[in-house]
Amino acid sequence: MDDFAKIAGVPVMTANLEVGHGGTISQPNGGLVAAASVAWLDWQLNGDTQAAKWFTGPDCRLCTDPRWKVQRKGF
């Protein structure tokens, strides 16, 4: 979180799902962490506007899901 606080000038986001060190990898298809990771890559690498909705806007998918603790700045 120290890095998050120090980053300026570019969009930055943290998304924490309190499931422990192993994440959700043992769940089918890698679980929620894998889904969010793939959405990030689809947005960043492929310009997928549907995937961007996981992270952008006041009603972003991660922002409105109570299982995730999200902090954003610069978006």
PDB file of N, CA and C in Angstrom:
ATOM      1  N   MET A   1       0.821  -1.188   0.000  1.00  0.00           N
ATOM      2  CA  MET A   1       0.000   0.000   0.000  1.00  0.00           C
ATOM      3  C   MET A   1       0.867   1.256   0.000  1.00  0.00           C
ATOM      4  N   ASP A   2       2.102   1.118   0.459  1.00  0.00           N
ATOM      5  CA  ASP A   2       3.018   2.251   0.411  1.00  0.00           C
ATOM      6  C   ASP A   2       3.270   2.664  -1.035  1.00  0.00           C
ATOM      7  N   ASP A   3       3.440   1.694  -1.915  1.00  0.00           N
ATOM      8  CA  ASP A   3       3.639   2.002  -3.333  1.00  0.00           C
ATOM      9  C   ASP A   3       2.409   2.702  -3.902  1.00  0.00           C
ATOM     10  N   PHE A   4       1.228   2.207  -3.585  1.00  0.00           N
ATOM     11  CA  PHE A   4      -0.010   2.819  -4.061  1.00  0.00           C
ATOM     12  C   PHE A   4      -0.058   4.291  -3.648  1.00  0.00           C
ATOM     13  N   ALA A   5       0.279   4.582  -2.417  1.00  0.00           N
ATOM     14  CA  ALA A   5       0.244   5.956  -1.920  1.00  0.00           C
ATOM     15  C   ALA A   5       1.230   6.857  -2.662  1.00  0.00           C
ATOM     16  N   LYS A   6       2.351   6.307  -3.084  1.00  0.00           N
ATOM     17  CA  LYS A   6       3.399   7.110  -3.713  1.00  0.00           C
ATOM     18  C   LYS A   6       3.224   7.309  -5.215  1.00  0.00           C
ATOM     19  N   ILE A   7       2.433   6.476  -5.849  1.00  0.00           N
ATOM     20  CA  ILE A   7       2.255   6.576  -7.299  1.00  0.00           C
ATOM     21  C   ILE A   7       1.433   7.806  -7.635  1.00  0.00           C
ATOM     22  N   ALA A   8       1.919   8.586  -8.579  1.00  0.00           N
ATOM     23  CA  ALA A   8       1.213   9.786  -9.026  1.00  0.00           C
ATOM     24  C   ALA A   8       1.378   9.916 -10.536  1.00  0.00           C
ATOM     25  N   GLY A   9       0.398  10.531 -11.163  1.00  0.00           N
ATOM     26  CA  GLY A   9       0.520  10.847 -12.583  1.00  0.00           C
ATOM     27  C   GLY A   9       0.007   9.779 -13.530  1.00  0.00           C
ATOM     28  N   VAL A  10      -0.307   8.607 -13.019  1.00  0.00           N
ATOM     29  CA  VAL A  10      -0.872   7.539 -13.839  1.00  0.00           C
ATOM     30  C   VAL A  10      -2.013   6.886 -13.059  1.00  0.00           C
ATOM     31  N   PRO A  11      -2.982   6.320 -13.748  1.00  0.00           N
ATOM     32  CA  PRO A  11      -4.044   5.614 -13.037  1.00  0.00           C
ATOM     33  C   PRO A  11      -3.486   4.416 -12.268  1.00  0.00           C
ATOM     34  N   VAL A  12      -3.981   4.226 -11.066  1.00  0.00           N
ATOM     35  CA  VAL A  12      -3.540   3.098 -10.242  1.00  0.00           C
ATOM     36  C   VAL A  12      -4.734   2.581  -9.443  1.00  0.00           C
ATOM     37  N   MET A  13      -4.737   1.274  -9.240  1.00  0.00           N
ATOM     38  CA  MET A  13      -5.856   0.639  -8.541  1.00  0.00           C
ATOM     39  C   MET A  13      -5.338  -0.534  -7.726  1.00  0.00           C
ATOM     40  N   THR A  14      -5.918  -0.725  -6.563  1.00  0.00           N
ATOM     41  CA  THR A  14      -5.711  -1.958  -5.819  1.00  0.00           C
ATOM     42  C   THR A  14      -7.069  -2.618  -5.665  1.00  0.00           C
ATOM     43  N   ALA A  15      -7.076  -3.925  -5.757  1.00  0.00           N
ATOM     44  CA  ALA A  15      -8.302  -4.699  -5.562  1.00  0.00           C
ATOM     45  C   ALA A  15      -7.933  -5.912  -4.723  1.00  0.00           C
ATOM     46  N   ASN A  16      -8.483  -5.989  -3.531  1.00  0.00           N
ATOM     47  CA  ASN A  16      -8.144  -7.056  -2.617  1.00  0.00           C
ATOM     48  C   ASN A  16      -9.372  -7.910  -2.333  1.00  0.00           C
ATOM     49  N   LEU A  17      -9.213  -9.184  -2.490  1.00  0.00           N
ATOM     50  CA  LEU A  17     -10.243 -10.153  -2.163  1.00  0.00           C
ATOM     51  C   LEU A  17      -9.675 -10.966  -1.006  1.00  0.00           C
ATOM     52  N   GLU A  18     -10.274 -10.874   0.149  1.00  0.00           N
ATOM     53  CA  GLU A  18      -9.707 -11.492   1.346  1.00  0.00           C
ATOM     54  C   GLU A  18      -9.927 -13.002   1.353  1.00  0.00           C
ATOM     55  N   VAL A  19      -9.052 -13.691   0.613  1.00  0.00           N
ATOM     56  CA  VAL A  19      -9.140 -15.146   0.514  1.00  0.00           C
ATOM     57  C   VAL A  19      -7.817 -15.827   0.879  1.00  0.00           C
ATOM     58  N   GLY A  20      -6.825 -15.049   1.263  1.00  0.00           N
ATOM     59  CA  GLY A  20      -5.550 -15.624   1.640  1.00  0.00           C
ATOM     60  C   GLY A  20      -4.553 -15.651   0.501  1.00  0.00           C
ATOM     61  N   HIS A  21      -3.377 -16.150   0.824  1.00  0.00           N
ATOM     62  CA  HIS A  21      -2.237 -16.107  -0.094  1.00  0.00           C
ATOM     63  C   HIS A  21      -2.472 -16.878  -1.390  1.00  0.00           C
ATOM     64  N   GLY A  22      -3.194 -17.974  -1.329  1.00  0.00           N
ATOM     65  CA  GLY A  22      -3.407 -18.790  -2.519  1.00  0.00           C
ATOM     66  C   GLY A  22      -4.436 -18.229  -3.481  1.00  0.00           C
ATOM     67  N   GLY A  23      -5.091 -17.132  -3.092  1.00  0.00           N
ATOM     68  CA  GLY A  23      -6.096 -16.538  -3.962  1.00  0.00           C
ATOM     69  C   GLY A  23      -7.249 -17.496  -4.209  1.00  0.00           C
ATOM     70  N   THR A  24      -7.754 -17.501  -5.403  1.00  0.00           N
ATOM     71  CA  THR A  24      -8.887 -18.357  -5.748  1.00  0.00           C
ATOM     72  C   THR A  24      -8.496 -19.377  -6.814  1.00  0.00           C
ATOM     73  N   ILE A  25      -7.210 -19.661  -6.919  1.00  0.00           N
ATOM     74  CA  ILE A  25      -6.701 -20.521  -7.987  1.00  0.00           C
ATOM     75  C   ILE A  25      -7.293 -21.926  -7.942  1.00  0.00           C
ATOM     76  N   SER A  26      -7.675 -22.409  -6.764  1.00  0.00           N
ATOM     77  CA  SER A  26      -8.208 -23.770  -6.656  1.00  0.00           C
ATOM     78  C   SER A  26      -9.687 -23.848  -7.038  1.00  0.00           C
ATOM     79  N   GLN A  27     -10.319 -22.713  -7.261  1.00  0.00           N
ATOM     80  CA  GLN A  27     -11.719 -22.697  -7.665  1.00  0.00           C
ATOM     81  C   GLN A  27     -11.830 -22.923  -9.172  1.00  0.00           C
ATOM     82  N   PRO A  28     -12.999 -23.333  -9.637  1.00  0.00           N
ATOM     83  CA  PRO A  28     -13.162 -23.543 -11.084  1.00  0.00           C
ATOM     84  C   PRO A  28     -12.740 -22.307 -11.886  1.00  0.00           C
ATOM     85  N   ASN A  29     -11.975 -22.530 -12.923  1.00  0.00           N
ATOM     86  CA  ASN A  29     -11.471 -21.474 -13.806  1.00  0.00           C
ATOM     87  C   ASN A  29     -10.651 -20.415 -13.081  1.00  0.00           C
ATOM     88  N   GLY A  30     -10.115 -20.742 -11.933  1.00  0.00           N
ATOM     89  CA  GLY A  30      -9.279 -19.812 -11.184  1.00  0.00           C
ATOM     90  C   GLY A  30     -10.036 -18.839 -10.312  1.00  0.00           C
ATOM     91  N   GLY A  31     -11.361 -18.913 -10.301  1.00  0.00           N
ATOM     92  CA  GLY A  31     -12.177 -18.083  -9.420  1.00  0.00           C
ATOM     93  C   GLY A  31     -12.175 -16.605  -9.785  1.00  0.00           C
ATOM     94  N   LEU A  32     -12.565 -15.803  -8.808  1.00  0.00           N
ATOM     95  CA  LEU A  32     -12.733 -14.363  -9.025  1.00  0.00           C
ATOM     96  C   LEU A  32     -11.429 -13.643  -9.351  1.00  0.00           C
ATOM     97  N   VAL A  33     -10.341 -14.053  -8.724  1.00  0.00           N
ATOM     98  CA  VAL A  33      -9.064 -13.379  -8.983  1.00  0.00           C
ATOM     99  C   VAL A  33      -8.643 -13.596 -10.431  1.00  0.00           C
ATOM    100  N   ALA A  34      -8.807 -14.802 -10.928  1.00  0.00           N
ATOM    101  CA  ALA A  34      -8.462 -15.074 -12.324  1.00  0.00           C
ATOM    102  C   ALA A  34      -9.363 -14.291 -13.271  1.00  0.00           C
ATOM    103  N   ALA A  35     -10.653 -14.225 -12.967  1.00  0.00           N
ATOM    104  CA  ALA A  35     -11.582 -13.482 -13.827  1.00  0.00           C
ATOM    105  C   ALA A  35     -11.200 -12.007 -13.890  1.00  0.00           C
ATOM    106  N   ALA A  36     -10.862 -11.425 -12.746  1.00  0.00           N
ATOM    107  CA  ALA A  36     -10.460 -10.017 -12.720  1.00  0.00           C
ATOM    108  C   ALA A  36      -9.141  -9.820 -13.465  1.00  0.00           C
ATOM    109  N   SER A  37      -8.225 -10.746 -13.316  1.00  0.00           N
ATOM    110  CA  SER A  37      -6.934 -10.647 -13.999  1.00  0.00           C
ATOM    111  C   SER A  37      -7.093 -10.716 -15.516  1.00  0.00           C
ATOM    112  N   VAL A  38      -7.918 -11.620 -15.981  1.00  0.00           N
ATOM    113  CA  VAL A  38      -8.161 -11.741 -17.419  1.00  0.00           C
ATOM    114  C   VAL A  38      -8.861 -10.493 -17.947  1.00  0.00           C
ATOM    115  N   ALA A  39      -9.807  -9.955 -17.167  1.00  0.00           N
ATOM    116  CA  ALA A  39     -10.484  -8.721 -17.586  1.00  0.00           C
ATOM    117  C   ALA A  39      -9.479  -7.581 -17.705  1.00  0.00           C
ATOM    118  N   TRP A  40      -8.556  -7.468 -16.755  1.00  0.00           N
ATOM    119  CA  TRP A  40      -7.529  -6.422 -16.814  1.00  0.00           C
ATOM    120  C   TRP A  40      -6.688  -6.569 -18.089  1.00  0.00           C
ATOM    121  N   LEU A  41      -6.260  -7.780 -18.357  1.00  0.00           N
ATOM    122  CA  LEU A  41      -5.440  -8.012 -19.551  1.00  0.00           C
ATOM    123  C   LEU A  41      -6.226  -7.742 -20.828  1.00  0.00           C
ATOM    124  N   ASP A  42      -7.485  -8.173 -20.859  1.00  0.00           N
ATOM    125  CA  ASP A  42      -8.313  -7.896 -22.045  1.00  0.00           C
ATOM    126  C   ASP A  42      -8.467  -6.403 -22.267  1.00  0.00           C
ATOM    127  N   TRP A  43      -8.632  -5.653 -21.203  1.00  0.00           N
ATOM    128  CA  TRP A  43      -8.772  -4.204 -21.315  1.00  0.00           C
ATOM    129  C   TRP A  43      -7.460  -3.574 -21.770  1.00  0.00           C
ATOM    130  N   GLN A  44      -6.387  -3.897 -21.067  1.00  0.00           N
ATOM    131  CA  GLN A  44      -5.105  -3.247 -21.331  1.00  0.00           C
ATOM    132  C   GLN A  44      -4.467  -3.674 -22.651  1.00  0.00           C
ATOM    133  N   LEU A  45      -4.570  -4.938 -22.988  1.00  0.00           N
ATOM    134  CA  LEU A  45      -3.882  -5.444 -24.175  1.00  0.00           C
ATOM    135  C   LEU A  45      -4.749  -5.462 -25.425  1.00  0.00           C
ATOM    136  N   ASN A  46      -6.054  -5.592 -25.235  1.00  0.00           N
ATOM    137  CA  ASN A  46      -6.950  -5.725 -26.381  1.00  0.00           C
ATOM    138  C   ASN A  46      -7.917  -4.561 -26.544  1.00  0.00           C
ATOM    139  N   GLY A  47      -7.887  -3.612 -25.601  1.00  0.00           N
ATOM    140  CA  GLY A  47      -8.793  -2.463 -25.680  1.00  0.00           C
ATOM    141  C   GLY A  47     -10.255  -2.838 -25.519  1.00  0.00           C
ATOM    142  N   ASP A  48     -10.526  -3.927 -24.835  1.00  0.00           N
ATOM    143  CA  ASP A  48     -11.889  -4.434 -24.655  1.00  0.00           C
ATOM    144  C   ASP A  48     -12.681  -3.509 -23.721  1.00  0.00           C
ATOM    145  N   THR A  49     -13.663  -2.805 -24.267  1.00  0.00           N
ATOM    146  CA  THR A  49     -14.435  -1.841 -23.469  1.00  0.00           C
ATOM    147  C   THR A  49     -15.337  -2.525 -22.453  1.00  0.00           C
ATOM    148  N   GLN A  50     -15.764  -3.753 -22.731  1.00  0.00           N
ATOM    149  CA  GLN A  50     -16.574  -4.485 -21.740  1.00  0.00           C
ATOM    150  C   GLN A  50     -15.705  -4.877 -20.550  1.00  0.00           C
ATOM    151  N   ALA A  51     -14.489  -5.302 -20.797  1.00  0.00           N
ATOM    152  CA  ALA A  51     -13.567  -5.659 -19.726  1.00  0.00           C
ATOM    153  C   ALA A  51     -13.201  -4.440 -18.890  1.00  0.00           C
ATOM    154  N   ALA A  52     -13.127  -3.272 -19.517  1.00  0.00           N
ATOM    155  CA  ALA A  52     -12.803  -2.037 -18.795  1.00  0.00           C
ATOM    156  C   ALA A  52     -13.831  -1.729 -17.722  1.00  0.00           C
ATOM    157  N   LYS A  53     -15.053  -2.175 -17.919  1.00  0.00           N
ATOM    158  CA  LYS A  53     -16.118  -1.904 -16.948  1.00  0.00           C
ATOM    159  C   LYS A  53     -15.877  -2.590 -15.605  1.00  0.00           C
ATOM    160  N   TRP A  54     -14.977  -3.544 -15.560  1.00  0.00           N
ATOM    161  CA  TRP A  54     -14.594  -4.147 -14.281  1.00  0.00           C
ATOM    162  C   TRP A  54     -13.878  -3.113 -13.400  1.00  0.00           C
ATOM    163  N   PHE A  55     -13.241  -2.112 -14.020  1.00  0.00           N
ATOM    164  CA  PHE A  55     -12.318  -1.227 -13.307  1.00  0.00           C
ATOM    165  C   PHE A  55     -12.656   0.255 -13.388  1.00  0.00           C
ATOM    166  N   THR A  56     -13.427   0.672 -14.376  1.00  0.00           N
ATOM    167  CA  THR A  56     -13.646   2.095 -14.614  1.00  0.00           C
ATOM    168  C   THR A  56     -15.082   2.499 -14.326  1.00  0.00           C
ATOM    169  N   GLY A  57     -15.258   3.783 -14.069  1.00  0.00           N
ATOM    170  CA  GLY A  57     -16.578   4.336 -13.825  1.00  0.00           C
ATOM    171  C   GLY A  57     -17.011   4.175 -12.379  1.00  0.00           C
ATOM    172  N   PRO A  58     -17.990   4.966 -11.973  1.00  0.00           N
ATOM    173  CA  PRO A  58     -18.452   4.927 -10.578  1.00  0.00           C
ATOM    174  C   PRO A  58     -19.106   3.596 -10.207  1.00  0.00           C
ATOM    175  N   ASP A  59     -19.601   2.880 -11.200  1.00  0.00           N
ATOM    176  CA  ASP A  59     -20.245   1.593 -10.947  1.00  0.00           C
ATOM    177  C   ASP A  59     -19.403   0.433 -11.463  1.00  0.00           C
ATOM    178  N   CYS A  60     -18.078   0.569 -11.372  1.00  0.00           N
ATOM    179  CA  CYS A  60     -17.224  -0.504 -11.883  1.00  0.00           C
ATOM    180  C   CYS A  60     -17.560  -1.812 -11.181  1.00  0.00           C
ATOM    181  N   ARG A  61     -17.373  -2.899 -11.898  1.00  0.00           N
ATOM    182  CA  ARG A  61     -17.776  -4.211 -11.378  1.00  0.00           C
ATOM    183  C   ARG A  61     -17.095  -4.540 -10.047  1.00  0.00           C
ATOM    184  N   LEU A  62     -15.801  -4.295  -9.959  1.00  0.00           N
ATOM    185  CA  LEU A  62     -15.112  -4.571  -8.704  1.00  0.00           C
ATOM    186  C   LEU A  62     -15.528  -3.600  -7.609  1.00  0.00           C
ATOM    187  N   CYS A  63     -15.815  -2.351  -7.989  1.00  0.00           N
ATOM    188  CA  CYS A  63     -16.181  -1.320  -7.011  1.00  0.00           C
ATOM    189  C   CYS A  63     -17.532  -1.607  -6.351  1.00  0.00           C
ATOM    190  N   THR A  64     -18.412  -2.261  -7.055  1.00  0.00           N
ATOM    191  CA  THR A  64     -19.761  -2.495  -6.542  1.00  0.00           C
ATOM    192  C   THR A  64     -19.937  -3.894  -5.959  1.00  0.00           C
ATOM    193  N   ASP A  65     -18.909  -4.725  -6.051  1.00  0.00           N
ATOM    194  CA  ASP A  65     -18.966  -6.073  -5.493  1.00  0.00           C
ATOM    195  C   ASP A  65     -18.444  -6.022  -4.062  1.00  0.00           C
ATOM    196  N   PRO A  66     -19.284  -6.286  -3.062  1.00  0.00           N
ATOM    197  CA  PRO A  66     -18.862  -6.137  -1.663  1.00  0.00           C
ATOM    198  C   PRO A  66     -17.749  -7.095  -1.243  1.00  0.00           C
ATOM    199  N   ARG A  67     -17.444  -8.088  -2.044  1.00  0.00           N
ATOM    200  CA  ARG A  67     -16.356  -9.015  -1.690  1.00  0.00           C
ATOM    201  C   ARG A  67     -14.974  -8.409  -1.931  1.00  0.00           C
ATOM    202  N   TRP A  68     -14.914  -7.362  -2.749  1.00  0.00           N
ATOM    203  CA  TRP A  68     -13.644  -6.725  -3.095  1.00  0.00           C
ATOM    204  C   TRP A  68     -13.459  -5.437  -2.312  1.00  0.00           C
ATOM    205  N   LYS A  69     -12.237  -5.207  -1.850  1.00  0.00           N
ATOM    206  CA  LYS A  69     -11.849  -3.917  -1.270  1.00  0.00           C
ATOM    207  C   LYS A  69     -11.035  -3.213  -2.348  1.00  0.00           C
ATOM    208  N   VAL A  70     -11.563  -2.099  -2.855  1.00  0.00           N
ATOM    209  CA  VAL A  70     -10.975  -1.411  -4.008  1.00  0.00           C
ATOM    210  C   VAL A  70     -10.561   0.006  -3.628  1.00  0.00           C
ATOM    211  N   GLN A  71      -9.381   0.384  -4.085  1.00  0.00           N
ATOM    212  CA  GLN A  71      -8.925   1.771  -4.007  1.00  0.00           C
ATOM    213  C   GLN A  71      -8.432   2.149  -5.389  1.00  0.00           C
ATOM    214  N   ARG A  72      -8.826   3.351  -5.832  1.00  0.00           N
ATOM    215  CA  ARG A  72      -8.410   3.842  -7.158  1.00  0.00           C
ATOM    216  C   ARG A  72      -8.023   5.305  -7.058  1.00  0.00           C
ATOM    217  N   LYS A  73      -7.124   5.693  -7.939  1.00  0.00           N
ATOM    218  CA  LYS A  73      -6.852   7.122  -8.108  1.00  0.00           C
ATOM    219  C   LYS A  73      -6.310   7.325  -9.508  1.00  0.00           C
ATOM    220  N   GLY A  74      -6.610   8.487 -10.052  1.00  0.00           N
ATOM    221  CA  GLY A  74      -6.128   8.818 -11.383  1.00  0.00           C
ATOM    222  C   GLY A  74      -6.957   8.243 -12.513  1.00  0.00           C
ATOM    223  N   PHE A  75      -8.088   7.651 -12.212  1.00  0.00           N
ATOM    224  CA  PHE A  75      -8.949   7.085 -13.255  1.00  0.00           C
ATOM    225  C   PHE A  75      -9.875   8.163 -13.779  1.00  0.00           C
TER     226      PHE A  75
END
